[in-house]
Amino acid sequence: MGRKRLITDSYPVVKRREGPAGHSKGELASELGEEPQLPSEEQAELELLRQFDLAWEYGPCTGITRLQRWHRAEQMGLEPPPEVCQVLKSHPGDPRFQYSLWHLYPL
C-alpha cells in the first residue's frame, strides 16, 4: 500500500514567477519608491457629494437633484454643508454632479 492520495495530487504543480524586477506582490508601494496617488480635485468633490447623498439627516434624495435636496434641507433649517452647494454650482451641466447616486433607479 502506498501513500494516501490527496485531491491536490490531480492538479499540476505551477511555479509562480516573480513580478517585475524581483518584487513580490506583498510589498507596499512606499517600499517600491512609488508615491501614493492622491485623488484629484474632481474625485474629492464627487466623494463629498456621495457622502451628502448618504447622509440621511438631510432627507430623502430620490426623485430630486442634489441642489434641490440641498435647498430643501436649508429651508427646513437642517444646515446642509455649504461646500456641497459650492460644488454643485461650479458644475451646473454635469449630471455626475447634479444627480444623486440613485437617479438611475426608478421610484
PDB file of N, CA and C in Angstrom:
ATOM      1  N   MET A   1       0.839  -1.181   0.000  1.00  0.00           N
ATOM      2  CA  MET A   1       0.000   0.000   0.000  1.00  0.00           C
ATOM      3  C   MET A   1       0.881   1.240   0.000  1.00  0.00           C
ATOM      4  N   GLY A   2       0.568   2.120  -0.845  1.00  0.00           N
ATOM      5  CA  GLY A   2       1.358   3.339  -0.964  1.00  0.00           C
ATOM      6  C   GLY A   2       0.763   4.474  -0.127  1.00  0.00           C
ATOM      7  N   ARG A   3       1.217   5.622  -0.448  1.00  0.00           N
ATOM      8  CA  ARG A   3       0.753   6.819   0.240  1.00  0.00           C
ATOM      9  C   ARG A   3      -0.701   7.105  -0.139  1.00  0.00           C
ATOM     10  N   LYS A   4      -1.454   7.658   0.814  1.00  0.00           N
ATOM     11  CA  LYS A   4      -2.855   8.015   0.566  1.00  0.00           C
ATOM     12  C   LYS A   4      -2.904   9.209  -0.389  1.00  0.00           C
ATOM     13  N   ARG A   5      -3.742   9.127  -1.413  1.00  0.00           N
ATOM     14  CA  ARG A   5      -3.823  10.194  -2.415  1.00  0.00           C
ATOM     15  C   ARG A   5      -4.621  11.377  -1.878  1.00  0.00           C
ATOM     16  N   LEU A   6      -4.156  12.556  -2.227  1.00  0.00           N
ATOM     17  CA  LEU A   6      -4.833  13.797  -1.866  1.00  0.00           C
ATOM     18  C   LEU A   6      -5.533  14.368  -3.090  1.00  0.00           C
ATOM     19  N   ILE A   7      -6.527  15.178  -2.887  1.00  0.00           N
ATOM     20  CA  ILE A   7      -7.230  15.786  -4.010  1.00  0.00           C
ATOM     21  C   ILE A   7      -6.304  16.687  -4.816  1.00  0.00           C
ATOM     22  N   THR A   8      -5.326  17.287  -4.157  1.00  0.00           N
ATOM     23  CA  THR A   8      -4.396  18.165  -4.868  1.00  0.00           C
ATOM     24  C   THR A   8      -3.434  17.408  -5.762  1.00  0.00           C
ATOM     25  N   ASP A   9      -3.340  16.100  -5.618  1.00  0.00           N
ATOM     26  CA  ASP A   9      -2.461  15.308  -6.464  1.00  0.00           C
ATOM     27  C   ASP A   9      -2.921  15.300  -7.923  1.00  0.00           C
ATOM     28  N   SER A  10      -4.188  15.572  -8.175  1.00  0.00           N
ATOM     29  CA  SER A  10      -4.698  15.519  -9.539  1.00  0.00           C
ATOM     30  C   SER A  10      -4.456  16.821 -10.310  1.00  0.00           C
ATOM     31  N   TYR A  11      -3.956  17.863  -9.634  1.00  0.00           N
ATOM     32  CA  TYR A  11      -3.696  19.149 -10.286  1.00  0.00           C
ATOM     33  C   TYR A  11      -2.199  19.300 -10.529  1.00  0.00           C
ATOM     34  N   PRO A  12      -1.827  19.861 -11.693  1.00  0.00           N
ATOM     35  CA  PRO A  12      -0.391  20.031 -11.968  1.00  0.00           C
ATOM     36  C   PRO A  12       0.211  21.114 -11.073  1.00  0.00           C
ATOM     37  N   VAL A  13       1.495  20.977 -10.788  1.00  0.00           N
ATOM     38  CA  VAL A  13       2.212  21.957  -9.987  1.00  0.00           C
ATOM     39  C   VAL A  13       2.588  23.122 -10.899  1.00  0.00           C
ATOM     40  N   VAL A  14       2.250  24.342 -10.483  1.00  0.00           N
ATOM     41  CA  VAL A  14       2.544  25.536 -11.259  1.00  0.00           C
ATOM     42  C   VAL A  14       3.515  26.382 -10.455  1.00  0.00           C
ATOM     43  N   LYS A  15       4.652  26.703 -11.051  1.00  0.00           N
ATOM     44  CA  LYS A  15       5.625  27.553 -10.372  1.00  0.00           C
ATOM     45  C   LYS A  15       5.310  29.000 -10.719  1.00  0.00           C
ATOM     46  N   ARG A  16       5.238  29.826  -9.700  1.00  0.00           N
ATOM     47  CA  ARG A  16       4.919  31.237  -9.907  1.00  0.00           C
ATOM     48  C   ARG A  16       6.182  32.028 -10.197  1.00  0.00           C
ATOM     49  N   ARG A  17       6.026  32.967 -11.136  1.00  0.00           N
ATOM     50  CA  ARG A  17       7.141  33.859 -11.447  1.00  0.00           C
ATOM     51  C   ARG A  17       7.067  35.077 -10.545  1.00  0.00           C
ATOM     52  N   GLU A  18       8.224  35.689 -10.298  1.00  0.00           N
ATOM     53  CA  GLU A  18       8.239  36.930  -9.539  1.00  0.00           C
ATOM     54  C   GLU A  18       7.780  38.062 -10.428  1.00  0.00           C
ATOM     55  N   GLY A  19       7.309  39.136  -9.797  1.00  0.00           N
ATOM     56  CA  GLY A  19       6.875  40.309 -10.533  1.00  0.00           C
ATOM     57  C   GLY A  19       8.052  41.023 -11.170  1.00  0.00           C
ATOM     58  N   PRO A  20       7.821  42.208 -11.738  1.00  0.00           N
ATOM     59  CA  PRO A  20       8.902  42.940 -12.398  1.00  0.00           C
ATOM     60  C   PRO A  20      10.020  43.284 -11.414  1.00  0.00           C
ATOM     61  N   ALA A  21      11.247  43.141 -11.851  1.00  0.00           N
ATOM     62  CA  ALA A  21      12.452  43.477 -11.083  1.00  0.00           C
ATOM     63  C   ALA A  21      12.527  42.730  -9.763  1.00  0.00           C
ATOM     64  N   GLY A  22      11.944  41.553  -9.689  1.00  0.00           N
ATOM     65  CA  GLY A  22      12.068  40.722  -8.497  1.00  0.00           C
ATOM     66  C   GLY A  22      11.202  41.141  -7.327  1.00  0.00           C
ATOM     67  N   HIS A  23      10.218  41.988  -7.529  1.00  0.00           N
ATOM     68  CA  HIS A  23       9.350  42.404  -6.430  1.00  0.00           C
ATOM     69  C   HIS A  23       8.240  41.383  -6.223  1.00  0.00           C
ATOM     70  N   SER A  24       7.920  41.164  -4.996  1.00  0.00           N
ATOM     71  CA  SER A  24       6.811  40.261  -4.713  1.00  0.00           C
ATOM     72  C   SER A  24       5.524  41.061  -4.591  1.00  0.00           C
ATOM     73  N   LYS A  25       4.390  40.374  -4.662  1.00  0.00           N
ATOM     74  CA  LYS A  25       3.099  41.051  -4.614  1.00  0.00           C
ATOM     75  C   LYS A  25       2.834  41.712  -3.273  1.00  0.00           C
ATOM     76  N   GLY A  26       3.428  41.228  -2.206  1.00  0.00           N
ATOM     77  CA  GLY A  26       3.112  41.721  -0.877  1.00  0.00           C
ATOM     78  C   GLY A  26       3.784  43.027  -0.496  1.00  0.00           C
ATOM     79  N   GLU A  27       4.677  43.551  -1.325  1.00  0.00           N
ATOM     80  CA  GLU A  27       5.372  44.775  -0.970  1.00  0.00           C
ATOM     81  C   GLU A  27       4.464  45.983  -1.157  1.00  0.00           C
ATOM     82  N   LEU A  28       4.632  46.960  -0.291  1.00  0.00           N
ATOM     83  CA  LEU A  28       3.850  48.179  -0.369  1.00  0.00           C
ATOM     84  C   LEU A  28       4.437  49.128  -1.395  1.00  0.00           C
ATOM     85  N   ALA A  29       3.611  50.035  -1.905  1.00  0.00           N
ATOM     86  CA  ALA A  29       4.062  50.997  -2.896  1.00  0.00           C
ATOM     87  C   ALA A  29       5.173  51.882  -2.332  1.00  0.00           C
ATOM     88  N   SER A  30       5.094  52.242  -1.060  1.00  0.00           N
ATOM     89  CA  SER A  30       6.125  53.095  -0.474  1.00  0.00           C
ATOM     90  C   SER A  30       7.459  52.365  -0.411  1.00  0.00           C
ATOM     91  N   GLU A  31       7.440  51.042  -0.249  1.00  0.00           N
ATOM     92  CA  GLU A  31       8.675  50.268  -0.246  1.00  0.00           C
ATOM     93  C   GLU A  31       9.287  50.214  -1.637  1.00  0.00           C
ATOM     94  N   LEU A  32       8.463  50.336  -2.655  1.00  0.00           N
ATOM     95  CA  LEU A  32       8.933  50.283  -4.027  1.00  0.00           C
ATOM     96  C   LEU A  32       9.421  51.641  -4.513  1.00  0.00           C
ATOM     97  N   GLY A  33       9.275  52.671  -3.683  1.00  0.00           N
ATOM     98  CA  GLY A  33       9.710  54.001  -4.064  1.00  0.00           C
ATOM     99  C   GLY A  33       8.680  54.768  -4.858  1.00  0.00           C
ATOM    100  N   GLU A  34       7.450  54.295  -4.920  1.00  0.00           N
ATOM    101  CA  GLU A  34       6.403  54.984  -5.657  1.00  0.00           C
ATOM    102  C   GLU A  34       5.635  55.896  -4.706  1.00  0.00           C
ATOM    103  N   GLU A  35       5.206  57.023  -5.218  1.00  0.00           N
ATOM    104  CA  GLU A  35       4.392  57.939  -4.438  1.00  0.00           C
ATOM    105  C   GLU A  35       2.943  57.472  -4.473  1.00  0.00           C
ATOM    106  N   PRO A  36       2.249  57.449  -3.332  1.00  0.00           N
ATOM    107  CA  PRO A  36       0.829  57.112  -3.376  1.00  0.00           C
ATOM    108  C   PRO A  36       0.066  58.209  -4.116  1.00  0.00           C
ATOM    109  N   GLN A  37      -0.877  57.791  -4.947  1.00  0.00           N
ATOM    110  CA  GLN A  37      -1.627  58.755  -5.742  1.00  0.00           C
ATOM    111  C   GLN A  37      -2.700  59.408  -4.893  1.00  0.00           C
ATOM    112  N   LEU A  38      -2.714  60.725  -4.923  1.00  0.00           N
ATOM    113  CA  LEU A  38      -3.747  61.470  -4.223  1.00  0.00           C
ATOM    114  C   LEU A  38      -4.931  61.634  -5.164  1.00  0.00           C
ATOM    115  N   PRO A  39      -6.151  61.619  -4.626  1.00  0.00           N
ATOM    116  CA  PRO A  39      -7.314  61.784  -5.501  1.00  0.00           C
ATOM    117  C   PRO A  39      -7.330  63.188  -6.106  1.00  0.00           C
ATOM    118  N   SER A  40      -7.792  63.258  -7.317  1.00  0.00           N
ATOM    119  CA  SER A  40      -7.873  64.556  -7.975  1.00  0.00           C
ATOM    120  C   SER A  40      -8.970  65.383  -7.306  1.00  0.00           C
ATOM    121  N   GLU A  41      -8.977  66.649  -7.627  1.00  0.00           N
ATOM    122  CA  GLU A  41      -9.977  67.558  -7.037  1.00  0.00           C
ATOM    123  C   GLU A  41     -11.388  67.121  -7.419  1.00  0.00           C
ATOM    124  N   GLU A  42     -11.539  66.682  -8.665  1.00  0.00           N
ATOM    125  CA  GLU A  42     -12.859  66.240  -9.123  1.00  0.00           C
ATOM    126  C   GLU A  42     -13.324  65.008  -8.344  1.00  0.00           C
ATOM    127  N   GLN A  43     -12.414  64.061  -8.122  1.00  0.00           N
ATOM    128  CA  GLN A  43     -12.771  62.866  -7.353  1.00  0.00           C
ATOM    129  C   GLN A  43     -13.128  63.227  -5.914  1.00  0.00           C
ATOM    130  N   ALA A  44     -12.415  64.179  -5.340  1.00  0.00           N
ATOM    131  CA  ALA A  44     -12.703  64.609  -3.978  1.00  0.00           C
ATOM    132  C   ALA A  44     -14.082  65.272  -3.908  1.00  0.00           C
ATOM    133  N   GLU A  45     -14.411  66.059  -4.926  1.00  0.00           N
ATOM    134  CA  GLU A  45     -15.734  66.701  -4.963  1.00  0.00           C
ATOM    135  C   GLU A  45     -16.839  65.659  -5.105  1.00  0.00           C
ATOM    136  N   LEU A  46     -16.627  64.663  -5.982  1.00  0.00           N
ATOM    137  CA  LEU A  46     -17.639  63.614  -6.151  1.00  0.00           C
ATOM    138  C   LEU A  46     -17.806  62.803  -4.872  1.00  0.00           C
ATOM    139  N   GLU A  47     -16.722  62.572  -4.142  1.00  0.00           N
ATOM    140  CA  GLU A  47     -16.817  61.856  -2.865  1.00  0.00           C
ATOM    141  C   GLU A  47     -17.601  62.678  -1.848  1.00  0.00           C
ATOM    142  N   LEU A  48     -17.403  63.995  -1.823  1.00  0.00           N
ATOM    143  CA  LEU A  48     -18.173  64.875  -0.936  1.00  0.00           C
ATOM    144  C   LEU A  48     -19.663  64.763  -1.256  1.00  0.00           C
ATOM    145  N   LEU A  49     -19.998  64.734  -2.547  1.00  0.00           N
ATOM    146  CA  LEU A  49     -21.401  64.625  -2.947  1.00  0.00           C
ATOM    147  C   LEU A  49     -21.974  63.246  -2.614  1.00  0.00           C
ATOM    148  N   ARG A  50     -21.169  62.192  -2.742  1.00  0.00           N
ATOM    149  CA  ARG A  50     -21.634  60.853  -2.353  1.00  0.00           C
ATOM    150  C   ARG A  50     -21.950  60.811  -0.857  1.00  0.00           C
ATOM    151  N   GLN A  51     -21.088  61.427  -0.066  1.00  0.00           N
ATOM    152  CA  GLN A  51     -21.329  61.459   1.376  1.00  0.00           C
ATOM    153  C   GLN A  51     -22.597  62.254   1.688  1.00  0.00           C
ATOM    154  N   PHE A  52     -22.855  63.318   0.923  1.00  0.00           N
ATOM    155  CA  PHE A  52     -24.097  64.085   1.088  1.00  0.00           C
ATOM    156  C   PHE A  52     -25.297  63.219   0.739  1.00  0.00           C
ATOM    157  N   ASP A  53     -25.185  62.419  -0.320  1.00  0.00           N
ATOM    158  CA  ASP A  53     -26.280  61.511  -0.692  1.00  0.00           C
ATOM    159  C   ASP A  53     -26.571  60.501   0.411  1.00  0.00           C
ATOM    160  N   LEU A  54     -25.543  60.042   1.085  1.00  0.00           N
ATOM    161  CA  LEU A  54     -25.700  59.006   2.103  1.00  0.00           C
ATOM    162  C   LEU A  54     -26.098  59.553   3.467  1.00  0.00           C
ATOM    163  N   ALA A  55     -26.077  60.870   3.634  1.00  0.00           N
ATOM    164  CA  ALA A  55     -26.422  61.481   4.918  1.00  0.00           C
ATOM    165  C   ALA A  55     -27.950  61.573   5.032  1.00  0.00           C
ATOM    166  N   TRP A  56     -28.530  60.738   5.865  1.00  0.00           N
ATOM    167  CA  TRP A  56     -29.986  60.676   5.993  1.00  0.00           C
ATOM    168  C   TRP A  56     -30.567  61.922   6.650  1.00  0.00           C
ATOM    169  N   GLU A  57     -29.761  62.679   7.397  1.00  0.00           N
ATOM    170  CA  GLU A  57     -30.312  63.815   8.142  1.00  0.00           C
ATOM    171  C   GLU A  57     -30.806  64.958   7.258  1.00  0.00           C
ATOM    172  N   TYR A  58     -30.490  64.920   5.949  1.00  0.00           N
ATOM    173  CA  TYR A  58     -30.960  65.968   5.043  1.00  0.00           C
ATOM    174  C   TYR A  58     -32.183  65.526   4.239  1.00  0.00           C
ATOM    175  N   GLY A  59     -32.761  64.418   4.586  1.00  0.00           N
ATOM    176  CA  GLY A  59     -33.969  63.939   3.942  1.00  0.00           C
ATOM    177  C   GLY A  59     -33.681  63.051   2.744  1.00  0.00           C
ATOM    178  N   PRO A  60     -34.744  62.480   2.156  1.00  0.00           N
ATOM    179  CA  PRO A  60     -34.560  61.574   1.025  1.00  0.00           C
ATOM    180  C   PRO A  60     -34.010  62.304  -0.199  1.00  0.00           C
ATOM    181  N   CYS A  61     -33.303  61.552  -1.045  1.00  0.00           N
ATOM    182  CA  CYS A  61     -32.688  62.180  -2.219  1.00  0.00           C
ATOM    183  C   CYS A  61     -33.177  61.577  -3.529  1.00  0.00           C
ATOM    184  N   THR A  62     -34.151  60.690  -3.485  1.00  0.00           N
ATOM    185  CA  THR A  62     -34.636  60.106  -4.732  1.00  0.00           C
ATOM    186  C   THR A  62     -35.684  61.019  -5.356  1.00  0.00           C
ATOM    187  N   GLY A  63     -35.614  61.130  -6.663  1.00  0.00           N
ATOM    188  CA  GLY A  63     -36.602  61.916  -7.392  1.00  0.00           C
ATOM    189  C   GLY A  63     -36.275  63.394  -7.513  1.00  0.00           C
ATOM    190  N   ILE A  64     -35.209  63.875  -6.891  1.00  0.00           N
ATOM    191  CA  ILE A  64     -34.823  65.290  -6.985  1.00  0.00           C
ATOM    192  C   ILE A  64     -33.316  65.378  -7.208  1.00  0.00           C
ATOM    193  N   THR A  65     -32.865  66.532  -7.668  1.00  0.00           N
ATOM    194  CA  THR A  65     -31.437  66.731  -7.854  1.00  0.00           C
ATOM    195  C   THR A  65     -30.787  67.022  -6.505  1.00  0.00           C
ATOM    196  N   ARG A  66     -29.482  66.951  -6.494  1.00  0.00           N
ATOM    197  CA  ARG A  66     -28.748  67.243  -5.254  1.00  0.00           C
ATOM    198  C   ARG A  66     -28.957  68.695  -4.820  1.00  0.00           C
ATOM    199  N   LEU A  67     -28.998  69.614  -5.781  1.00  0.00           N
ATOM    200  CA  LEU A  67     -29.191  71.018  -5.443  1.00  0.00           C
ATOM    201  C   LEU A  67     -30.581  71.257  -4.856  1.00  0.00           C
ATOM    202  N   GLN A  68     -31.601  70.602  -5.420  1.00  0.00           N
ATOM    203  CA  GLN A  68     -32.954  70.716  -4.856  1.00  0.00           C
ATOM    204  C   GLN A  68     -32.980  70.165  -3.433  1.00  0.00           C
ATOM    205  N   ARG A  69     -32.304  69.062  -3.204  1.00  0.00           N
ATOM    206  CA  ARG A  69     -32.240  68.481  -1.865  1.00  0.00           C
ATOM    207  C   ARG A  69     -31.511  69.414  -0.902  1.00  0.00           C
ATOM    208  N   TRP A  70     -30.438  70.040  -1.376  1.00  0.00           N
ATOM    209  CA  TRP A  70     -29.682  70.958  -0.531  1.00  0.00           C
ATOM    210  C   TRP A  70     -30.556  72.148  -0.138  1.00  0.00           C
ATOM    211  N   HIS A  71     -31.284  72.738  -1.123  1.00  0.00           N
ATOM    212  CA  HIS A  71     -32.159  73.876  -0.839  1.00  0.00           C
ATOM    213  C   HIS A  71     -33.294  73.479   0.111  1.00  0.00           C
ATOM    214  N   ARG A  72     -33.861  72.294  -0.083  1.00  0.00           N
ATOM    215  CA  ARG A  72     -34.923  71.830   0.815  1.00  0.00           C
ATOM    216  C   ARG A  72     -34.410  71.684   2.240  1.00  0.00           C
ATOM    217  N   ALA A  73     -33.228  71.110   2.385  1.00  0.00           N
ATOM    218  CA  ALA A  73     -32.643  70.951   3.720  1.00  0.00           C
ATOM    219  C   ALA A  73     -32.356  72.307   4.349  1.00  0.00           C
ATOM    220  N   GLU A  74     -31.916  73.263   3.546  1.00  0.00           N
ATOM    221  CA  GLU A  74     -31.650  74.605   4.066  1.00  0.00           C
ATOM    222  C   GLU A  74     -32.941  75.282   4.515  1.00  0.00           C
ATOM    223  N   GLN A  75     -34.009  75.141   3.730  1.00  0.00           N
ATOM    224  CA  GLN A  75     -35.298  75.730   4.089  1.00  0.00           C
ATOM    225  C   GLN A  75     -35.863  75.122   5.361  1.00  0.00           C
ATOM    226  N   MET A  76     -35.537  73.855   5.605  1.00  0.00           N
ATOM    227  CA  MET A  76     -36.033  73.183   6.807  1.00  0.00           C
ATOM    228  C   MET A  76     -35.129  73.438   8.016  1.00  0.00           C
ATOM    229  N   GLY A  77     -34.056  74.220   7.825  1.00  0.00           N
ATOM    230  CA  GLY A  77     -33.168  74.545   8.929  1.00  0.00           C
ATOM    231  C   GLY A  77     -32.230  73.423   9.328  1.00  0.00           C
ATOM    232  N   LEU A  78     -31.914  72.533   8.395  1.00  0.00           N
ATOM    233  CA  LEU A  78     -31.068  71.379   8.704  1.00  0.00           C
ATOM    234  C   LEU A  78     -29.576  71.660   8.517  1.00  0.00           C
ATOM    235  N   GLU A  79     -29.239  72.849   8.067  1.00  0.00           N
ATOM    236  CA  GLU A  79     -27.856  73.293   7.882  1.00  0.00           C
ATOM    237  C   GLU A  79     -27.008  72.318   7.058  1.00  0.00           C
ATOM    238  N   PRO A  80     -27.348  72.150   5.775  1.00  0.00           N
ATOM    239  CA  PRO A  80     -26.510  71.289   4.923  1.00  0.00           C
ATOM    240  C   PRO A  80     -25.145  71.942   4.701  1.00  0.00           C
ATOM    241  N   PRO A  81     -24.120  71.164   4.385  1.00  0.00           N
ATOM    242  CA  PRO A  81     -22.784  71.725   4.208  1.00  0.00           C
ATOM    243  C   PRO A  81     -22.731  72.729   3.052  1.00  0.00           C
ATOM    244  N   PRO A  82     -22.205  73.925   3.289  1.00  0.00           N
ATOM    245  CA  PRO A  82     -22.137  74.916   2.202  1.00  0.00           C
ATOM    246  C   PRO A  82     -21.197  74.496   1.079  1.00  0.00           C
ATOM    247  N   GLU A  83     -20.221  73.622   1.387  1.00  0.00           N
ATOM    248  CA  GLU A  83     -19.297  73.159   0.342  1.00  0.00           C
ATOM    249  C   GLU A  83     -20.046  72.399  -0.740  1.00  0.00           C
ATOM    250  N   VAL A  84     -21.102  71.683  -0.348  1.00  0.00           N
ATOM    251  CA  VAL A  84     -21.890  70.916  -1.314  1.00  0.00           C
ATOM    252  C   VAL A  84     -22.537  71.858  -2.322  1.00  0.00           C
ATOM    253  N   CYS A  85     -23.101  72.943  -1.836  1.00  0.00           N
ATOM    254  CA  CYS A  85     -23.742  73.912  -2.731  1.00  0.00           C
ATOM    255  C   CYS A  85     -22.709  74.544  -3.663  1.00  0.00           C
ATOM    256  N   GLN A  86     -21.534  74.852  -3.152  1.00  0.00           N
ATOM    257  CA  GLN A  86     -20.480  75.441  -3.987  1.00  0.00           C
ATOM    258  C   GLN A  86     -20.064  74.481  -5.099  1.00  0.00           C
ATOM    259  N   VAL A  87     -19.905  73.202  -4.757  1.00  0.00           N
ATOM    260  CA  VAL A  87     -19.520  72.210  -5.763  1.00  0.00           C
ATOM    261  C   VAL A  87     -20.615  72.075  -6.816  1.00  0.00           C
ATOM    262  N   LEU A  88     -21.871  72.023  -6.379  1.00  0.00           N
ATOM    263  CA  LEU A  88     -22.977  71.861  -7.326  1.00  0.00           C
ATOM    264  C   LEU A  88     -23.094  73.059  -8.264  1.00  0.00           C
ATOM    265  N   LYS A  89     -22.877  74.254  -7.747  1.00  0.00           N
ATOM    266  CA  LYS A  89     -22.966  75.448  -8.589  1.00  0.00           C
ATOM    267  C   LYS A  89     -21.766  75.579  -9.515  1.00  0.00           C
ATOM    268  N   SER A  90     -20.643  74.950  -9.183  1.00  0.00           N
ATOM    269  CA  SER A  90     -19.475  75.030 -10.053  1.00  0.00           C
ATOM    270  C   SER A  90     -19.541  74.032 -11.219  1.00  0.00           C
ATOM    271  N   HIS A  91     -20.476  73.075 -11.163  1.00  0.00           N
ATOM    272  CA  HIS A  91     -20.657  72.089 -12.241  1.00  0.00           C
ATOM    273  C   HIS A  91     -22.145  72.030 -12.621  1.00  0.00           C
ATOM    274  N   PRO A  92     -22.697  73.112 -13.187  1.00  0.00           N
ATOM    275  CA  PRO A  92     -24.155  73.158 -13.406  1.00  0.00           C
ATOM    276  C   PRO A  92     -24.696  72.184 -14.443  1.00  0.00           C
ATOM    277  N   GLY A  93     -23.938  71.821 -15.467  1.00  0.00           N
ATOM    278  CA  GLY A  93     -24.479  70.963 -16.515  1.00  0.00           C
ATOM    279  C   GLY A  93     -24.013  69.527 -16.462  1.00  0.00           C
ATOM    280  N   ASP A  94     -23.215  69.171 -15.479  1.00  0.00           N
ATOM    281  CA  ASP A  94     -22.638  67.829 -15.414  1.00  0.00           C
ATOM    282  C   ASP A  94     -23.545  66.907 -14.596  1.00  0.00           C
ATOM    283  N   PRO A  95     -24.148  65.889 -15.234  1.00  0.00           N
ATOM    284  CA  PRO A  95     -25.064  65.004 -14.495  1.00  0.00           C
ATOM    285  C   PRO A  95     -24.368  64.203 -13.391  1.00  0.00           C
ATOM    286  N   ARG A  96     -23.044  63.965 -13.512  1.00  0.00           N
ATOM    287  CA  ARG A  96     -22.338  63.250 -12.439  1.00  0.00           C
ATOM    288  C   ARG A  96     -22.400  64.026 -11.135  1.00  0.00           C
ATOM    289  N   PHE A  97     -22.468  65.356 -11.243  1.00  0.00           N
ATOM    290  CA  PHE A  97     -22.502  66.200 -10.056  1.00  0.00           C
ATOM    291  C   PHE A  97     -23.930  66.545  -9.633  1.00  0.00           C
ATOM    292  N   GLN A  98     -24.838  66.674 -10.575  1.00  0.00           N
ATOM    293  CA  GLN A  98     -26.175  67.161 -10.260  1.00  0.00           C
ATOM    294  C   GLN A  98     -27.117  66.093  -9.711  1.00  0.00           C
ATOM    295  N   TYR A  99     -26.970  64.857 -10.157  1.00  0.00           N
ATOM    296  CA  TYR A  99     -27.901  63.811  -9.759  1.00  0.00           C
ATOM    297  C   TYR A  99     -27.320  62.940  -8.654  1.00  0.00           C
ATOM    298  N   SER A 100     -28.188  62.413  -7.809  1.00  0.00           N
ATOM    299  CA  SER A 100     -27.746  61.589  -6.689  1.00  0.00           C
ATOM    300  C   SER A 100     -27.298  60.207  -7.160  1.00  0.00           C
ATOM    301  N   LEU A 101     -26.808  59.435  -6.227  1.00  0.00           N
ATOM    302  CA  LEU A 101     -26.340  58.088  -6.532  1.00  0.00           C
ATOM    303  C   LEU A 101     -27.432  57.215  -7.135  1.00  0.00           C
ATOM    304  N   TRP A 102     -28.668  57.471  -6.776  1.00  0.00           N
ATOM    305  CA  TRP A 102     -29.771  56.592  -7.155  1.00  0.00           C
ATOM    306  C   TRP A 102     -30.654  57.166  -8.246  1.00  0.00           C
ATOM    307  N   HIS A 103     -30.165  58.138  -9.021  1.00  0.00           N
ATOM    308  CA  HIS A 103     -31.031  58.777 -10.017  1.00  0.00           C
ATOM    309  C   HIS A 103     -31.410  57.836 -11.163  1.00  0.00           C
ATOM    310  N   LEU A 104     -30.652  56.793 -11.408  1.00  0.00           N
ATOM    311  CA  LEU A 104     -30.969  55.863 -12.489  1.00  0.00           C
ATOM    312  C   LEU A 104     -32.004  54.812 -12.099  1.00  0.00           C
ATOM    313  N   TYR A 105     -32.255  54.671 -10.803  1.00  0.00           N
ATOM    314  CA  TYR A 105     -33.203  53.660 -10.335  1.00  0.00           C
ATOM    315  C   TYR A 105     -34.615  54.246 -10.302  1.00  0.00           C
ATOM    316  N   PRO A 106     -35.584  53.509 -10.827  1.00  0.00           N
ATOM    317  CA  PRO A 106     -36.962  54.028 -10.811  1.00  0.00           C
ATOM    318  C   PRO A 106     -37.510  54.092  -9.393  1.00  0.00           C
ATOM    319  N   LEU A 107     -38.434  55.017  -9.205  1.00  0.00           N
ATOM    320  CA  LEU A 107     -39.058  55.165  -7.881  1.00  0.00           C
ATOM    321  C   LEU A 107     -40.019  54.067  -7.576  1.00  0.00           C
TER     322      LEU A 107
END
